[in-house]
Amino acid sequence: METESKDEGVASEGASPESREAFWRANKRLIFILLTVWLVVSLGCGVWWIEWLNQFTIGSLPLGFWIAQQGSIYTFVILILIYAVCADRLEREHGVAE
């Protein structure tokens, strides 16, 4: 029990409760936006609009197939990098950086 409360305070020792709440609100909004982008790319482009996208090609592969197989993975990796940069900025703005 003691380590749990100790770990919670590490990232927010100097931050006020209002600042921590604002940070988590902004963090949840960022996560929602990034997951929405991933949903649109992976499900939208890989399933919903695949027939329309297949009229275009990347090399010899139809675009819809390529997005379903590779594009959504690349998008996820890029979104992870975007999250890391944005979350670091949010932590510094709200004074909860480690």
N, C-alpha and C. Protein backbone atom coordinates (compact mmCIF):
# COMPACT_ATOMS: atom_id res chain seq x y z
N MET A 1 0.82 -1.19 0.00
CA MET A 1 0.00 0.00 0.00
C MET A 1 0.87 1.25 0.00
N GLU A 2 1.95 1.22 0.74
CA GLU A 2 2.79 2.40 0.84
C GLU A 2 3.43 2.75 -0.51
N THR A 3 3.84 1.73 -1.27
CA THR A 3 4.46 1.99 -2.56
C THR A 3 3.47 2.54 -3.57
N GLU A 4 2.19 2.17 -3.45
CA GLU A 4 1.18 2.69 -4.38
C GLU A 4 1.05 4.20 -4.25
N SER A 5 0.90 4.69 -3.03
CA SER A 5 0.76 6.13 -2.85
C SER A 5 2.05 6.85 -3.18
N LYS A 6 3.18 6.21 -2.96
CA LYS A 6 4.47 6.79 -3.28
C LYS A 6 4.61 6.93 -4.80
N ASP A 7 4.20 5.91 -5.57
CA ASP A 7 4.30 5.94 -7.03
C ASP A 7 3.36 6.99 -7.62
N GLU A 8 2.19 7.17 -7.04
CA GLU A 8 1.24 8.14 -7.56
C GLU A 8 1.79 9.56 -7.47
N GLY A 9 2.54 9.86 -6.44
CA GLY A 9 3.03 11.21 -6.24
C GLY A 9 4.29 11.53 -7.01
N VAL A 10 4.96 10.55 -7.58
CA VAL A 10 6.23 10.79 -8.25
C VAL A 10 6.06 11.74 -9.42
N ALA A 11 5.06 11.53 -10.25
CA ALA A 11 4.91 12.32 -11.46
C ALA A 11 4.23 13.66 -11.21
N SER A 12 3.75 13.90 -10.01
CA SER A 12 2.99 15.13 -9.81
C SER A 12 3.30 15.80 -8.47
N GLU A 13 4.54 15.69 -7.99
CA GLU A 13 4.87 16.22 -6.68
C GLU A 13 4.58 17.71 -6.55
N GLY A 14 4.97 18.52 -7.55
CA GLY A 14 4.81 19.95 -7.44
C GLY A 14 3.53 20.48 -8.05
N ALA A 15 2.70 19.63 -8.59
CA ALA A 15 1.50 20.09 -9.29
C ALA A 15 0.32 20.18 -8.33
N SER A 16 -0.51 21.17 -8.57
CA SER A 16 -1.73 21.32 -7.77
C SER A 16 -2.77 20.31 -8.25
N PRO A 17 -3.77 20.04 -7.42
CA PRO A 17 -4.83 19.11 -7.85
C PRO A 17 -5.54 19.58 -9.12
N GLU A 18 -5.72 20.89 -9.26
CA GLU A 18 -6.38 21.42 -10.46
C GLU A 18 -5.53 21.17 -11.70
N SER A 19 -4.23 21.34 -11.53
CA SER A 19 -3.32 21.11 -12.66
C SER A 19 -3.30 19.64 -13.05
N ARG A 20 -3.32 18.76 -12.06
CA ARG A 20 -3.36 17.31 -12.36
C ARG A 20 -4.64 16.94 -13.07
N GLU A 21 -5.76 17.51 -12.63
CA GLU A 21 -7.05 17.23 -13.28
C GLU A 21 -7.05 17.74 -14.71
N ALA A 22 -6.51 18.94 -14.92
CA ALA A 22 -6.44 19.50 -16.27
C ALA A 22 -5.54 18.64 -17.15
N PHE A 23 -4.45 18.15 -16.58
CA PHE A 23 -3.55 17.27 -17.34
C PHE A 23 -4.28 16.01 -17.79
N TRP A 24 -4.99 15.36 -16.87
CA TRP A 24 -5.67 14.12 -17.23
C TRP A 24 -6.81 14.35 -18.21
N ARG A 25 -7.48 15.48 -18.09
CA ARG A 25 -8.52 15.83 -19.07
C ARG A 25 -7.90 15.97 -20.46
N ALA A 26 -6.81 16.71 -20.54
CA ALA A 26 -6.13 16.91 -21.83
C ALA A 26 -5.55 15.59 -22.34
N ASN A 27 -5.02 14.77 -21.45
CA ASN A 27 -4.44 13.48 -21.84
C ASN A 27 -5.51 12.54 -22.38
N LYS A 28 -6.66 12.50 -21.73
CA LYS A 28 -7.75 11.64 -22.21
C LYS A 28 -8.26 12.12 -23.57
N ARG A 29 -8.32 13.43 -23.75
CA ARG A 29 -8.75 13.98 -25.04
C ARG A 29 -7.76 13.60 -26.14
N LEU A 30 -6.46 13.70 -25.85
CA LEU A 30 -5.43 13.31 -26.80
C LEU A 30 -5.55 11.83 -27.16
N ILE A 31 -5.73 10.98 -26.17
CA ILE A 31 -5.88 9.54 -26.41
C ILE A 31 -7.11 9.27 -27.26
N PHE A 32 -8.22 9.93 -26.98
CA PHE A 32 -9.44 9.75 -27.75
C PHE A 32 -9.22 10.14 -29.22
N ILE A 33 -8.58 11.26 -29.45
CA ILE A 33 -8.32 11.71 -30.83
C ILE A 33 -7.43 10.73 -31.57
N LEU A 34 -6.36 10.28 -30.93
CA LEU A 34 -5.43 9.36 -31.59
C LEU A 34 -6.08 8.00 -31.85
N LEU A 35 -6.88 7.52 -30.92
CA LEU A 35 -7.57 6.24 -31.16
C LEU A 35 -8.62 6.37 -32.25
N THR A 36 -9.24 7.54 -32.35
CA THR A 36 -10.20 7.77 -33.43
C THR A 36 -9.51 7.74 -34.79
N VAL A 37 -8.34 8.37 -34.87
CA VAL A 37 -7.57 8.32 -36.12
C VAL A 37 -7.23 6.88 -36.47
N TRP A 38 -6.79 6.11 -35.47
CA TRP A 38 -6.42 4.71 -35.72
C TRP A 38 -7.65 3.92 -36.18
N LEU A 39 -8.80 4.16 -35.56
CA LEU A 39 -10.03 3.48 -35.96
C LEU A 39 -10.38 3.79 -37.41
N VAL A 40 -10.32 5.06 -37.77
CA VAL A 40 -10.67 5.45 -39.14
C VAL A 40 -9.71 4.80 -40.14
N VAL A 41 -8.42 4.79 -39.83
CA VAL A 41 -7.46 4.21 -40.77
C VAL A 41 -7.60 2.70 -40.83
N SER A 42 -7.62 2.04 -39.67
CA SER A 42 -7.62 0.57 -39.69
C SER A 42 -8.97 -0.01 -40.09
N LEU A 43 -10.04 0.46 -39.49
CA LEU A 43 -11.35 -0.10 -39.80
C LEU A 43 -11.96 0.57 -41.03
N GLY A 44 -11.87 1.88 -41.09
CA GLY A 44 -12.45 2.60 -42.21
C GLY A 44 -11.78 2.26 -43.53
N CYS A 45 -10.48 2.46 -43.59
CA CYS A 45 -9.76 2.22 -44.85
C CYS A 45 -9.53 0.74 -45.11
N GLY A 46 -9.46 -0.07 -44.08
CA GLY A 46 -9.20 -1.49 -44.26
C GLY A 46 -10.44 -2.34 -44.45
N VAL A 47 -11.63 -1.81 -44.09
CA VAL A 47 -12.86 -2.60 -44.19
C VAL A 47 -13.98 -1.82 -44.88
N TRP A 48 -14.33 -0.66 -44.32
CA TRP A 48 -15.50 0.06 -44.82
C TRP A 48 -15.33 0.58 -46.24
N TRP A 49 -14.18 1.19 -46.54
CA TRP A 49 -13.98 1.82 -47.85
C TRP A 49 -13.00 1.04 -48.72
N ILE A 50 -12.80 -0.24 -48.44
CA ILE A 50 -11.77 -1.02 -49.13
C ILE A 50 -12.05 -1.13 -50.64
N GLU A 51 -13.30 -1.32 -51.01
CA GLU A 51 -13.61 -1.48 -52.44
C GLU A 51 -13.28 -0.21 -53.21
N TRP A 52 -13.62 0.95 -52.64
CA TRP A 52 -13.30 2.20 -53.31
C TRP A 52 -11.79 2.41 -53.38
N LEU A 53 -11.08 2.10 -52.27
CA LEU A 53 -9.63 2.29 -52.23
C LEU A 53 -8.89 1.32 -53.15
N ASN A 54 -9.48 0.17 -53.41
CA ASN A 54 -8.81 -0.83 -54.26
C ASN A 54 -8.69 -0.41 -55.72
N GLN A 55 -9.34 0.69 -56.11
CA GLN A 55 -9.15 1.17 -57.48
C GLN A 55 -7.78 1.82 -57.65
N PHE A 56 -7.12 2.13 -56.54
CA PHE A 56 -5.77 2.69 -56.57
C PHE A 56 -4.78 1.59 -56.17
N THR A 57 -3.54 1.71 -56.60
CA THR A 57 -2.56 0.69 -56.26
C THR A 57 -1.29 1.32 -55.69
N ILE A 58 -0.62 0.55 -54.87
CA ILE A 58 0.74 0.86 -54.40
C ILE A 58 1.59 -0.28 -54.93
N GLY A 59 2.43 0.03 -55.90
CA GLY A 59 3.15 -1.03 -56.58
C GLY A 59 2.14 -1.86 -57.35
N SER A 60 2.07 -3.13 -57.02
CA SER A 60 1.09 -3.99 -57.69
C SER A 60 -0.06 -4.37 -56.76
N LEU A 61 -0.08 -3.80 -55.54
CA LEU A 61 -1.11 -4.15 -54.56
C LEU A 61 -2.22 -3.11 -54.53
N PRO A 62 -3.47 -3.54 -54.41
CA PRO A 62 -4.58 -2.59 -54.25
C PRO A 62 -4.40 -1.81 -52.94
N LEU A 63 -4.72 -0.53 -52.96
CA LEU A 63 -4.51 0.35 -51.80
C LEU A 63 -5.27 -0.13 -50.57
N GLY A 64 -6.52 -0.56 -50.71
CA GLY A 64 -7.29 -1.04 -49.57
C GLY A 64 -6.64 -2.23 -48.90
N PHE A 65 -6.14 -3.16 -49.71
CA PHE A 65 -5.44 -4.33 -49.17
C PHE A 65 -4.17 -3.89 -48.45
N TRP A 66 -3.42 -2.97 -49.07
CA TRP A 66 -2.17 -2.51 -48.47
C TRP A 66 -2.42 -1.84 -47.13
N ILE A 67 -3.45 -0.99 -47.06
CA ILE A 67 -3.76 -0.32 -45.79
C ILE A 67 -4.16 -1.34 -44.73
N ALA A 68 -4.97 -2.32 -45.11
CA ALA A 68 -5.39 -3.34 -44.14
C ALA A 68 -4.20 -4.15 -43.63
N GLN A 69 -3.23 -4.42 -44.49
CA GLN A 69 -2.10 -5.26 -44.10
C GLN A 69 -0.94 -4.48 -43.49
N GLN A 70 -0.62 -3.31 -44.03
CA GLN A 70 0.56 -2.57 -43.58
C GLN A 70 0.25 -1.17 -43.07
N GLY A 71 -0.62 -0.48 -43.76
CA GLY A 71 -0.88 0.92 -43.44
C GLY A 71 -1.38 1.16 -42.03
N SER A 72 -2.25 0.30 -41.54
CA SER A 72 -2.76 0.50 -40.18
C SER A 72 -1.67 0.27 -39.14
N ILE A 73 -0.74 -0.61 -39.42
CA ILE A 73 0.38 -0.85 -38.49
C ILE A 73 1.30 0.37 -38.49
N TYR A 74 1.64 0.88 -39.68
CA TYR A 74 2.46 2.08 -39.76
C TYR A 74 1.78 3.25 -39.07
N THR A 75 0.49 3.38 -39.27
CA THR A 75 -0.27 4.46 -38.64
C THR A 75 -0.20 4.33 -37.12
N PHE A 76 -0.33 3.12 -36.60
CA PHE A 76 -0.28 2.90 -35.16
C PHE A 76 1.08 3.30 -34.60
N VAL A 77 2.15 2.93 -35.27
CA VAL A 77 3.50 3.29 -34.80
C VAL A 77 3.68 4.81 -34.81
N ILE A 78 3.22 5.46 -35.86
CA ILE A 78 3.32 6.92 -35.94
C ILE A 78 2.48 7.57 -34.83
N LEU A 79 1.30 7.03 -34.56
CA LEU A 79 0.45 7.57 -33.49
C LEU A 79 1.10 7.40 -32.12
N ILE A 80 1.84 6.32 -31.92
CA ILE A 80 2.56 6.14 -30.65
C ILE A 80 3.61 7.23 -30.49
N LEU A 81 4.34 7.51 -31.57
CA LEU A 81 5.35 8.57 -31.50
C LEU A 81 4.70 9.94 -31.26
N ILE A 82 3.59 10.20 -31.93
CA ILE A 82 2.87 11.47 -31.72
C ILE A 82 2.40 11.56 -30.27
N TYR A 83 1.88 10.46 -29.73
CA TYR A 83 1.43 10.48 -28.34
C TYR A 83 2.59 10.77 -27.38
N ALA A 84 3.72 10.15 -27.61
CA ALA A 84 4.87 10.35 -26.72
C ALA A 84 5.29 11.82 -26.70
N VAL A 85 5.36 12.44 -27.87
CA VAL A 85 5.75 13.85 -27.95
C VAL A 85 4.69 14.74 -27.31
N CYS A 86 3.43 14.53 -27.65
CA CYS A 86 2.35 15.36 -27.11
C CYS A 86 2.18 15.17 -25.61
N ALA A 87 2.28 13.95 -25.12
CA ALA A 87 2.14 13.69 -23.69
C ALA A 87 3.27 14.35 -22.92
N ASP A 88 4.48 14.31 -23.46
CA ASP A 88 5.61 14.98 -22.81
C ASP A 88 5.36 16.48 -22.72
N ARG A 89 4.84 17.06 -23.79
CA ARG A 89 4.53 18.49 -23.80
C ARG A 89 3.44 18.80 -22.77
N LEU A 90 2.40 17.96 -22.73
CA LEU A 90 1.33 18.16 -21.75
C LEU A 90 1.85 18.08 -20.32
N GLU A 91 2.72 17.12 -20.05
CA GLU A 91 3.27 16.98 -18.70
C GLU A 91 4.04 18.23 -18.29
N ARG A 92 4.82 18.77 -19.21
CA ARG A 92 5.57 19.98 -18.89
C ARG A 92 4.64 21.19 -18.70
N GLU A 93 3.63 21.29 -19.54
CA GLU A 93 2.69 22.42 -19.43
C GLU A 93 1.94 22.42 -18.10
N HIS A 94 1.60 21.23 -17.62
CA HIS A 94 0.79 21.13 -16.40
C HIS A 94 1.63 20.86 -15.15
N GLY A 95 2.94 20.82 -15.30
CA GLY A 95 3.82 20.65 -14.15
C GLY A 95 3.78 19.29 -13.52
N VAL A 96 3.51 18.26 -14.32
CA VAL A 96 3.47 16.90 -13.77
C VAL A 96 4.56 16.03 -14.38
N ALA A 97 5.55 16.63 -15.03
CA ALA A 97 6.63 15.87 -15.66
C ALA A 97 7.47 15.17 -14.60
N GLU A 98 7.97 14.01 -14.94
CA GLU A 98 8.81 13.25 -14.00
C GLU A 98 10.18 13.84 -13.92
